[in-house]
Protein backbone atom coordinates (compact mmCIF):
# COMPACT_ATOMS: atom_id res chain seq x y z
CA UNK A 1 45.07 -7.84 11.29
CA UNK A 2 43.08 -5.06 12.18
CA UNK A 3 39.44 -4.79 13.21
CA UNK A 4 37.06 -2.76 11.15
CA UNK A 5 35.23 -0.41 13.21
CA UNK A 6 31.83 1.26 11.84
CA UNK A 7 29.24 3.72 12.81
CA UNK A 8 25.75 2.76 11.96
CA UNK A 9 22.42 4.13 12.93
CA UNK A 10 19.82 1.97 14.52
CA UNK A 11 15.98 2.99 14.81
CA UNK A 12 14.73 2.69 18.36
CA UNK A 13 11.24 1.90 17.02
CA UNK A 14 12.01 -0.88 14.34
CA UNK A 15 15.53 -1.66 14.63
CA UNK A 16 16.28 -0.63 10.99
CA UNK A 17 19.78 0.22 10.27
CA UNK A 18 21.28 2.89 8.24
CA UNK A 19 24.80 3.89 7.47
CA UNK A 20 24.17 7.54 8.04
CA UNK A 21 22.19 9.76 10.49
CA UNK A 22 18.82 10.94 9.17
CA UNK A 23 16.41 13.04 10.89
CA UNK A 24 13.54 10.19 9.99
CA UNK A 25 13.77 6.57 9.97
CA UNK A 26 13.33 5.32 6.23
CA UNK A 27 11.62 2.16 7.16
CA UNK A 28 8.82 3.08 9.90
CA UNK A 29 8.83 6.96 9.27
CA UNK A 30 9.85 7.55 12.85
CA UNK A 31 11.18 11.13 13.62
CA UNK A 32 14.42 11.22 15.83
CA UNK A 33 14.56 7.64 16.45
CA UNK A 34 17.90 6.95 14.80
CA UNK A 35 20.78 6.21 17.57
CA UNK A 36 24.27 5.85 16.55
CA UNK A 37 26.00 2.38 17.58
CA UNK A 38 29.63 1.68 16.77
CA UNK A 39 30.50 -1.92 15.89
CA UNK A 40 33.43 -3.99 15.26
CA UNK A 41 32.64 -5.28 11.69
CA UNK A 42 34.29 -8.73 12.56
CA UNK A 43 31.74 -9.31 15.27
CA UNK A 44 28.66 -7.15 14.06
CA UNK A 45 26.39 -10.19 13.92
CA UNK A 46 27.05 -10.57 17.60
CA UNK A 47 26.96 -6.76 18.66
CA UNK A 48 23.75 -5.47 16.94
CA UNK A 49 20.44 -7.69 18.24
CA UNK A 50 17.68 -7.43 15.96
CA UNK A 51 14.32 -8.59 17.13
CA UNK A 52 12.75 -11.41 15.54
CA UNK A 53 9.85 -11.39 13.35
CA UNK A 54 6.50 -12.36 14.73
CA UNK A 55 5.84 -16.00 14.21
CA UNK A 56 2.25 -16.78 13.50
CA UNK A 57 0.92 -20.46 13.83
CA UNK A 58 -1.54 -20.67 10.76
CA UNK A 59 -3.27 -23.67 12.34
CA UNK A 60 -4.45 -21.49 15.05
CA UNK A 61 -5.50 -18.53 12.79
CA UNK A 62 -9.28 -18.41 12.30
CA UNK A 63 -11.19 -17.30 9.23
CA UNK A 64 -11.56 -13.68 9.99
CA UNK A 65 -14.18 -11.39 9.21
CA UNK A 66 -11.99 -8.79 8.05
CA UNK A 67 -10.68 -10.81 5.42
CA UNK A 68 -13.93 -10.80 3.51
CA UNK A 69 -13.37 -9.83 -0.02
CA UNK A 70 -14.61 -6.97 -1.76
CA UNK A 71 -16.72 -8.39 -4.69
CA UNK A 72 -16.79 -5.99 -7.53
CA UNK A 73 -19.31 -7.83 -9.62
CA UNK A 74 -17.06 -7.69 -12.86
CA UNK A 75 -16.91 -11.44 -12.92
CA UNK A 76 -13.62 -11.84 -14.95
CA UNK A 77 -11.76 -9.54 -12.43
CA UNK A 78 -13.30 -11.06 -9.40
CA UNK A 79 -12.43 -14.35 -10.78
CA UNK A 80 -8.60 -13.55 -11.64
CA UNK A 81 -8.23 -11.72 -8.18
CA UNK A 82 -9.60 -14.84 -5.88
CA UNK A 83 -10.75 -17.49 -8.02
CA UNK A 84 -14.52 -18.63 -8.32
CA UNK A 85 -17.26 -20.01 -5.97
CA UNK A 86 -17.87 -19.72 -3.19
CA UNK A 87 -18.29 -15.96 -3.27
CA UNK A 88 -16.04 -15.37 -0.23
CA UNK A 89 -13.03 -16.46 -2.41
CA UNK A 90 -13.47 -14.03 -5.30
CA UNK A 91 -12.86 -10.67 -5.45
CA UNK A 92 -10.22 -8.06 -3.85
CA UNK A 93 -8.75 -9.16 -0.39
CA UNK A 94 -8.72 -6.15 2.10
CA UNK A 95 -4.95 -5.20 2.70
CA UNK A 96 -3.87 -6.81 -0.59
CA UNK A 97 -1.74 -4.79 -3.19
CA UNK A 98 -2.65 -5.27 -6.83
CA UNK A 99 -0.57 -3.84 -9.64
CA UNK A 100 -2.16 -3.30 -12.83
CA UNK A 101 0.36 -3.11 -15.74
CA UNK A 102 0.51 -2.87 -19.38
CA UNK A 103 1.23 -0.64 -22.20
CA UNK A 104 -0.14 3.00 -22.48
CA UNK A 105 -3.61 3.41 -24.01
CA UNK A 106 -4.99 -0.12 -23.35
CA UNK A 107 -7.68 0.92 -20.69
CA UNK A 108 -5.81 0.50 -17.45
CA UNK A 109 -7.30 3.65 -15.86
CA UNK A 110 -10.72 2.88 -17.41
CA UNK A 111 -10.72 -0.62 -15.79
CA UNK A 112 -9.63 1.25 -12.40
CA UNK A 113 -12.64 3.53 -12.85
CA UNK A 114 -14.98 0.54 -13.23
CA UNK A 115 -13.66 -1.07 -10.06
CA UNK A 116 -13.74 2.07 -8.17
CA UNK A 117 -17.48 2.56 -9.39
CA UNK A 118 -17.87 -1.36 -8.32
CA UNK A 119 -16.58 -1.04 -4.90
CA UNK A 120 -17.91 2.64 -4.06
CA UNK A 121 -21.65 1.34 -4.04
CA UNK A 122 -21.12 -0.04 -0.46
CA UNK A 123 -17.77 1.59 0.47
CA UNK A 124 -15.60 4.62 0.41
CA UNK A 125 -12.87 4.61 -2.22
CA UNK A 126 -10.00 7.17 -2.67
CA UNK A 127 -8.61 7.58 -6.28
CA UNK A 128 -5.44 9.37 -6.44
CA UNK A 129 -3.81 10.54 -9.52
CA UNK A 130 -0.54 12.06 -10.35
CA UNK A 131 -0.85 12.19 -14.14
CA UNK A 132 -4.79 13.30 -14.48
CA UNK A 133 -6.44 16.53 -12.97
CA UNK A 134 -9.87 16.08 -11.45
CA UNK A 135 -11.58 17.27 -14.49
CA UNK A 136 -10.11 14.76 -16.70
CA UNK A 137 -11.19 12.11 -14.15
CA UNK A 138 -14.64 13.31 -13.95
CA UNK A 139 -14.97 13.41 -17.78
CA UNK A 140 -13.97 9.65 -17.48
CA UNK A 141 -16.39 8.88 -14.84
CA UNK A 142 -19.27 10.67 -16.45
CA UNK A 143 -18.42 8.79 -19.72
CA UNK A 144 -18.32 5.34 -18.00
CA UNK A 145 -21.65 6.24 -16.05
CA UNK A 146 -19.58 6.16 -12.82
CA UNK A 147 -21.26 7.36 -9.87
CA UNK A 148 -18.90 9.36 -7.87
CA UNK A 149 -20.81 9.85 -4.54
CA UNK A 150 -18.33 7.44 -2.36
CA UNK A 151 -15.17 8.24 -4.54
CA UNK A 152 -12.96 10.79 -3.05
CA UNK A 153 -10.36 12.28 -5.54
CA UNK A 154 -6.82 13.33 -4.76
CA UNK A 155 -4.72 15.25 -7.31
CA UNK A 156 -1.29 14.30 -5.28
CA UNK A 157 2.19 12.99 -6.13
CA UNK A 158 3.43 13.11 -2.35
CA UNK A 159 3.10 9.74 -0.72
CA UNK A 160 3.17 11.06 2.65
CA UNK A 161 0.25 13.21 1.81
CA UNK A 162 -1.74 10.17 0.13
CA UNK A 163 -1.06 8.19 3.38
CA UNK A 164 -2.24 10.90 5.69
CA UNK A 165 -5.41 11.01 3.83
CA UNK A 166 -5.94 7.30 3.76
CA UNK A 167 -5.33 7.22 7.40
CA UNK A 168 -7.77 10.15 7.94
CA UNK A 169 -10.66 8.39 5.79
CA UNK A 170 -10.08 4.85 6.05
CA UNK A 171 -11.46 3.65 2.72
CA UNK A 172 -12.21 0.24 1.54
CA UNK A 173 -10.10 0.62 -1.62
CA UNK A 174 -7.29 3.03 -2.63
CA UNK A 175 -6.44 3.63 -6.31
CA UNK A 176 -3.20 5.05 -7.13
CA UNK A 177 -3.02 6.02 -11.10
CA UNK A 178 -0.26 5.61 -11.46
CA UNK A 179 2.52 4.49 -9.12
CA UNK A 180 5.38 5.74 -11.41
CA UNK A 181 4.16 9.31 -10.56
CA UNK A 182 4.40 8.83 -6.72
């Protein structure tokens, strides 16, 4: 029985593995970080060392200030996103991802416009849309009475460009309407 020898490409930044070479790691985005390694499939689990995930002891983790929720004052939304009283347990948790789904025309974009308005009263918000133009969003905002002062609009479907804008502006909230267009 012969050993099956295979070539894999391993990222020097994040240890991600790929069956073929690419100029950019698909996991961490690093350029020129994939390095070719030849492995014996029979003993592959022994030849490719992967760094273990970071282990966090939850008992030693303190209630950190950066985990304070963004209160929208949209009572039902805050309740659904985090429960009820006390106030620090309701609202949008920083770093979280919320996927709002539903049939076309039920008001998802209207709801996210209201959320953007509520959060933008005290924070910077980025609203990215790949479906609607800035003019269409402005009409909706005007109809709903949304104050757009702290809301920055991106008409973009390229995820890398959206991420670059997020890194530059560091908003408290990012809305992508809709994720299907990205």
